[in-house]
N, C-alpha and C. Protein backbone atom coordinates (compact mmCIF):
# COMPACT_ATOMS: atom_id res chain seq x y z
N UNK A 1 -25.42 -26.20 -90.14
CA UNK A 1 -24.09 -25.77 -90.39
C UNK A 1 -22.57 -26.54 -90.95
N UNK A 2 -23.04 -27.80 -90.71
CA UNK A 2 -21.70 -28.87 -91.13
C UNK A 2 -22.63 -29.56 -92.40
N UNK A 3 -23.54 -29.38 -93.04
CA UNK A 3 -23.91 -29.61 -94.29
C UNK A 3 -23.83 -28.28 -95.09
N UNK A 4 -24.17 -27.28 -94.77
CA UNK A 4 -23.63 -25.99 -95.92
C UNK A 4 -22.03 -26.23 -95.77
N UNK A 5 -21.59 -26.43 -94.86
CA UNK A 5 -19.91 -26.28 -95.44
C UNK A 5 -19.64 -27.63 -96.12
N UNK A 6 -20.10 -28.77 -95.75
CA UNK A 6 -19.81 -29.96 -96.48
C UNK A 6 -20.28 -30.28 -97.95
N UNK A 7 -22.12 -29.20 -98.33
CA UNK A 7 -22.04 -29.38 -99.72
C UNK A 7 -21.35 -28.21 -100.14
N UNK A 8 -20.57 -27.34 -99.95
CA UNK A 8 -19.49 -26.32 -100.49
C UNK A 8 -18.15 -26.65 -100.41
N UNK A 9 -17.11 -28.17 -100.13
CA UNK A 9 -16.37 -28.27 -100.06
C UNK A 9 -15.55 -27.76 -101.28
N UNK A 10 -15.97 -28.28 -102.81
CA UNK A 10 -14.72 -27.52 -103.42
C UNK A 10 -14.34 -26.51 -103.55
N UNK A 11 -15.32 -25.29 -103.14
CA UNK A 11 -15.19 -23.80 -102.89
C UNK A 11 -14.27 -23.77 -101.99
N UNK A 12 -14.60 -24.52 -100.71
CA UNK A 12 -13.60 -24.15 -99.99
C UNK A 12 -12.25 -24.59 -99.93
N UNK A 13 -11.95 -25.89 -100.69
CA UNK A 13 -10.71 -26.18 -101.16
C UNK A 13 -10.19 -25.38 -102.27
N UNK A 14 -10.77 -24.62 -103.05
CA UNK A 14 -10.54 -23.55 -104.14
C UNK A 14 -9.57 -22.27 -103.41
N UNK A 15 -10.08 -22.38 -102.31
CA UNK A 15 -9.24 -20.87 -101.38
C UNK A 15 -7.67 -21.24 -100.44
N UNK A 16 -7.63 -23.32 -100.38
CA UNK A 16 -6.46 -23.42 -100.71
C UNK A 16 -6.37 -24.30 -99.08
N UNK A 17 -7.45 -24.29 -98.47
CA UNK A 17 -7.54 -24.87 -97.20
C UNK A 17 -7.45 -26.44 -97.35
N UNK A 18 -6.95 -27.70 -96.76
CA UNK A 18 -7.15 -28.52 -96.55
C UNK A 18 -8.05 -29.41 -95.33
N UNK A 19 -7.84 -28.82 -94.35
CA UNK A 19 -8.51 -29.13 -93.30
C UNK A 19 -9.22 -28.50 -92.26
N UNK A 20 -10.79 -28.09 -92.71
CA UNK A 20 -11.27 -27.14 -92.17
C UNK A 20 -12.53 -27.82 -90.80
N UNK A 21 -11.93 -26.77 -89.89
CA UNK A 21 -12.72 -27.76 -88.52
C UNK A 21 -13.48 -26.00 -87.92
N UNK A 22 -14.30 -26.86 -86.94
CA UNK A 22 -14.93 -25.53 -86.18
C UNK A 22 -14.75 -25.88 -84.13
N UNK A 23 -15.19 -25.36 -84.06
CA UNK A 23 -14.91 -25.41 -82.26
C UNK A 23 -15.72 -23.84 -81.94
N UNK A 24 -15.84 -23.52 -80.56
CA UNK A 24 -16.72 -23.01 -79.82
C UNK A 24 -18.54 -23.14 -79.86
N UNK A 25 -19.11 -22.39 -79.70
CA UNK A 25 -20.23 -22.80 -79.56
C UNK A 25 -21.09 -23.25 -80.39
N UNK A 26 -20.85 -23.16 -81.60
CA UNK A 26 -21.78 -24.01 -82.81
C UNK A 26 -21.10 -25.60 -82.40
N UNK A 27 -20.40 -26.05 -82.40
CA UNK A 27 -19.52 -27.09 -82.11
C UNK A 27 -20.21 -27.51 -81.07
N UNK A 28 -20.56 -26.70 -79.97
CA UNK A 28 -21.01 -27.62 -78.78
C UNK A 28 -22.33 -27.69 -78.49
N UNK A 29 -23.01 -27.29 -79.61
CA UNK A 29 -24.60 -27.00 -80.01
C UNK A 29 -24.88 -25.66 -79.23
N UNK A 30 -24.46 -25.00 -78.47
CA UNK A 30 -24.99 -23.99 -77.69
C UNK A 30 -25.07 -22.82 -78.09
N UNK A 31 -24.96 -22.51 -79.48
CA UNK A 31 -25.13 -21.03 -79.87
C UNK A 31 -26.22 -20.37 -79.58
N UNK A 32 -26.14 -18.86 -79.68
CA UNK A 32 -27.21 -17.66 -79.14
C UNK A 32 -27.20 -17.16 -80.68
N UNK A 33 -28.13 -16.43 -80.41
CA UNK A 33 -29.02 -15.48 -81.56
C UNK A 33 -27.21 -14.85 -82.05
N UNK A 34 -26.61 -14.20 -81.23
CA UNK A 34 -25.39 -13.49 -81.85
C UNK A 34 -24.31 -14.01 -81.60
N UNK A 35 -24.06 -15.48 -81.64
CA UNK A 35 -22.73 -16.27 -82.05
C UNK A 35 -22.45 -16.07 -83.48
N UNK A 36 -20.92 -16.10 -83.52
CA UNK A 36 -19.96 -15.72 -84.20
C UNK A 36 -19.89 -17.15 -85.14
N UNK A 37 -19.42 -17.63 -85.84
CA UNK A 37 -19.06 -18.88 -86.29
C UNK A 37 -17.29 -19.19 -86.01
N UNK A 38 -16.99 -19.88 -85.31
CA UNK A 38 -15.74 -20.13 -85.23
C UNK A 38 -15.08 -21.47 -85.71
N UNK A 39 -13.89 -21.04 -86.92
CA UNK A 39 -13.06 -21.55 -87.87
C UNK A 39 -11.95 -21.97 -87.33
N UNK A 40 -11.40 -22.85 -87.56
CA UNK A 40 -9.87 -23.32 -87.38
C UNK A 40 -9.56 -24.05 -89.39
N UNK A 41 -8.78 -23.20 -89.66
CA UNK A 41 -8.35 -23.93 -91.19
C UNK A 41 -6.95 -24.33 -91.17
N UNK A 42 -6.27 -25.40 -91.61
CA UNK A 42 -4.67 -25.56 -92.37
C UNK A 42 -4.85 -25.51 -93.81
N UNK A 43 -4.11 -24.59 -94.03
CA UNK A 43 -3.53 -24.23 -95.46
C UNK A 43 -2.98 -25.23 -95.93
N UNK A 44 -2.94 -25.68 -97.29
CA UNK A 44 -1.99 -26.50 -98.20
C UNK A 44 -0.69 -25.44 -97.90
N UNK A 45 0.22 -26.24 -98.29
CA UNK A 45 1.60 -25.35 -98.08
C UNK A 45 1.63 -24.39 -99.45
N UNK A 46 2.02 -23.22 -99.22
CA UNK A 46 1.98 -21.93 -100.27
C UNK A 46 0.70 -21.58 -100.20
N UNK A 47 -0.46 -21.36 -99.62
CA UNK A 47 -1.70 -21.46 -100.13
C UNK A 47 -2.15 -20.49 -99.10
N UNK A 48 -1.55 -20.30 -97.68
CA UNK A 48 -1.69 -19.33 -96.71
C UNK A 48 -1.48 -18.05 -96.83
N UNK A 49 -2.08 -17.48 -98.09
CA UNK A 49 -2.53 -16.02 -98.09
C UNK A 49 -3.12 -14.89 -97.61
N UNK A 50 -2.92 -13.91 -97.40
CA UNK A 50 -3.95 -13.25 -96.75
C UNK A 50 -4.92 -12.64 -97.83
N UNK A 51 -4.99 -12.86 -99.09
CA UNK A 51 -6.21 -12.73 -100.14
C UNK A 51 -7.20 -13.90 -99.63
N UNK A 52 -6.70 -15.24 -99.65
CA UNK A 52 -7.43 -16.52 -99.37
C UNK A 52 -8.60 -16.39 -98.04
N UNK A 53 -7.51 -15.55 -97.15
CA UNK A 53 -7.65 -16.03 -95.87
C UNK A 53 -9.14 -14.93 -95.78
N UNK A 54 -8.88 -13.75 -96.29
CA UNK A 54 -10.05 -12.55 -96.24
C UNK A 54 -11.44 -13.07 -97.24
N UNK A 55 -10.91 -13.57 -98.23
CA UNK A 55 -12.06 -14.15 -99.22
C UNK A 55 -12.57 -15.41 -98.90
N UNK A 56 -12.36 -16.46 -98.17
CA UNK A 56 -12.62 -17.43 -97.25
C UNK A 56 -13.73 -16.79 -96.07
N UNK A 57 -13.17 -15.50 -95.47
CA UNK A 57 -13.97 -15.15 -94.53
C UNK A 57 -15.54 -14.60 -94.98
N UNK A 58 -14.98 -14.35 -95.58
CA UNK A 58 -16.35 -13.35 -96.58
C UNK A 58 -17.42 -14.58 -97.29
N UNK A 59 -16.70 -15.72 -97.91
CA UNK A 59 -17.57 -16.66 -98.81
C UNK A 59 -17.99 -16.93 -97.41
N UNK A 60 -17.59 -17.51 -96.18
CA UNK A 60 -18.41 -17.95 -94.89
C UNK A 60 -19.43 -17.27 -94.18
N UNK A 61 -18.95 -16.12 -94.28
CA UNK A 61 -19.75 -15.58 -93.77
C UNK A 61 -21.10 -15.15 -94.71
N UNK A 62 -21.38 -15.23 -96.06
CA UNK A 62 -22.29 -15.21 -96.85
C UNK A 62 -22.91 -16.32 -97.12
N UNK A 63 -22.60 -17.56 -96.86
CA UNK A 63 -22.85 -18.79 -97.03
C UNK A 63 -23.31 -19.20 -95.49
N UNK A 64 -22.99 -18.82 -94.44
CA UNK A 64 -23.62 -19.14 -93.21
C UNK A 64 -24.40 -18.04 -92.43
N UNK A 65 -24.65 -17.37 -92.95
CA UNK A 65 -25.72 -16.20 -92.31
C UNK A 65 -25.05 -15.13 -91.29
N UNK A 66 -23.79 -15.41 -90.76
CA UNK A 66 -23.57 -15.16 -89.42
C UNK A 66 -21.75 -14.78 -89.68
N UNK A 67 -21.31 -13.45 -88.31
CA UNK A 67 -19.81 -13.25 -88.42
C UNK A 67 -19.15 -14.60 -88.22
N UNK A 68 -18.02 -14.78 -89.08
CA UNK A 68 -17.39 -15.86 -89.06
C UNK A 68 -15.38 -15.18 -88.55
N UNK A 69 -15.23 -16.12 -87.66
CA UNK A 69 -13.84 -15.66 -87.27
C UNK A 69 -13.16 -16.90 -87.37
N UNK A 70 -12.07 -16.84 -87.95
CA UNK A 70 -10.89 -17.74 -88.66
C UNK A 70 -10.00 -17.66 -87.91
N UNK A 71 -9.18 -18.52 -87.72
CA UNK A 71 -8.09 -18.98 -87.04
C UNK A 71 -6.85 -20.03 -88.11
N UNK A 72 -5.82 -20.04 -87.91
CA UNK A 72 -4.77 -20.79 -88.70
C UNK A 72 -4.67 -21.97 -87.37
N UNK A 73 -4.31 -23.13 -87.49
CA UNK A 73 -3.74 -23.93 -86.19
C UNK A 73 -2.33 -23.42 -86.07
N UNK A 74 -1.56 -23.09 -86.56
CA UNK A 74 -0.47 -22.66 -86.28
C UNK A 74 0.03 -21.32 -85.92
N UNK A 75 -1.46 -20.30 -85.55
CA UNK A 75 -1.06 -19.54 -85.12
C UNK A 75 -1.69 -19.14 -83.26
N UNK A 76 -1.85 -20.10 -82.93
CA UNK A 76 -2.16 -20.42 -81.69
C UNK A 76 -1.43 -20.87 -81.05
N UNK A 77 -1.60 -20.15 -79.92
CA UNK A 77 -0.39 -20.13 -78.59
C UNK A 77 -0.91 -21.76 -78.07
N UNK A 78 0.12 -22.13 -77.71
CA UNK A 78 0.02 -23.60 -76.92
C UNK A 78 -1.04 -23.55 -75.93
N UNK A 79 -1.47 -23.00 -75.21
CA UNK A 79 -2.64 -22.93 -73.84
C UNK A 79 -3.85 -22.20 -74.79
N UNK A 80 -4.09 -21.41 -75.53
CA UNK A 80 -5.46 -21.32 -76.83
C UNK A 80 -5.63 -23.09 -77.47
N UNK A 81 -4.51 -22.92 -77.85
CA UNK A 81 -4.64 -24.13 -79.03
C UNK A 81 -4.93 -25.43 -78.25
N UNK A 82 -4.16 -25.73 -77.20
CA UNK A 82 -5.02 -26.84 -76.43
C UNK A 82 -6.43 -26.72 -75.99
N UNK A 83 -6.61 -24.98 -75.48
CA UNK A 83 -8.45 -25.40 -75.15
C UNK A 83 -9.39 -25.70 -76.52
N UNK A 84 -8.63 -24.98 -77.65
CA UNK A 84 -9.64 -25.21 -78.42
C UNK A 84 -9.95 -26.60 -79.00
N UNK A 85 -8.52 -27.44 -78.89
CA UNK A 85 -8.83 -29.02 -79.50
C UNK A 85 -9.67 -29.68 -78.43
N UNK A 86 -10.33 -29.36 -77.45
CA UNK A 86 -11.24 -29.80 -76.66
C UNK A 86 -12.44 -30.21 -77.16
N UNK A 87 -12.81 -28.92 -77.83
CA UNK A 87 -14.15 -28.76 -78.32
C UNK A 87 -13.80 -28.60 -80.08
N UNK A 88 -13.22 -29.46 -80.51
CA UNK A 88 -12.72 -29.10 -82.04
C UNK A 88 -13.44 -30.28 -82.88
N UNK A 89 -14.07 -30.01 -83.84
CA UNK A 89 -14.32 -31.20 -84.75
C UNK A 89 -14.21 -30.83 -86.37
N UNK A 90 -13.54 -31.68 -87.22
CA UNK A 90 -12.99 -31.40 -88.53
C UNK A 90 -14.50 -31.15 -89.11
N UNK A 91 -14.79 -30.12 -90.19
CA UNK A 91 -15.89 -30.26 -90.80
C UNK A 91 -15.49 -31.08 -91.85
N UNK A 92 -14.53 -31.47 -92.82
CA UNK A 92 -13.83 -31.91 -94.08
C UNK A 92 -13.03 -32.82 -93.55
N UNK A 93 -12.49 -33.57 -94.31
CA UNK A 93 -11.02 -34.49 -93.89
C UNK A 93 -10.38 -34.38 -95.77
């Protein structure tokens, strides 16, 4: 998964994201056959549009061949955000 995301860095950045990362079962290397991919993205200023979010999700699902759940860092509450950060890994820097 990391390889696929890294190979598509230019396309991912085209959606206005600066720092994508992942968390959850894939980051912990414990996915099951029905696991989705959990991505946390940080958009560049002025790029966090509904269209970018929807298009990014569709592109990632096609690229990874799995359902993808995308959250933005600023949409997480303090408790959930802290929980996610415990097993979070940036994909691109």
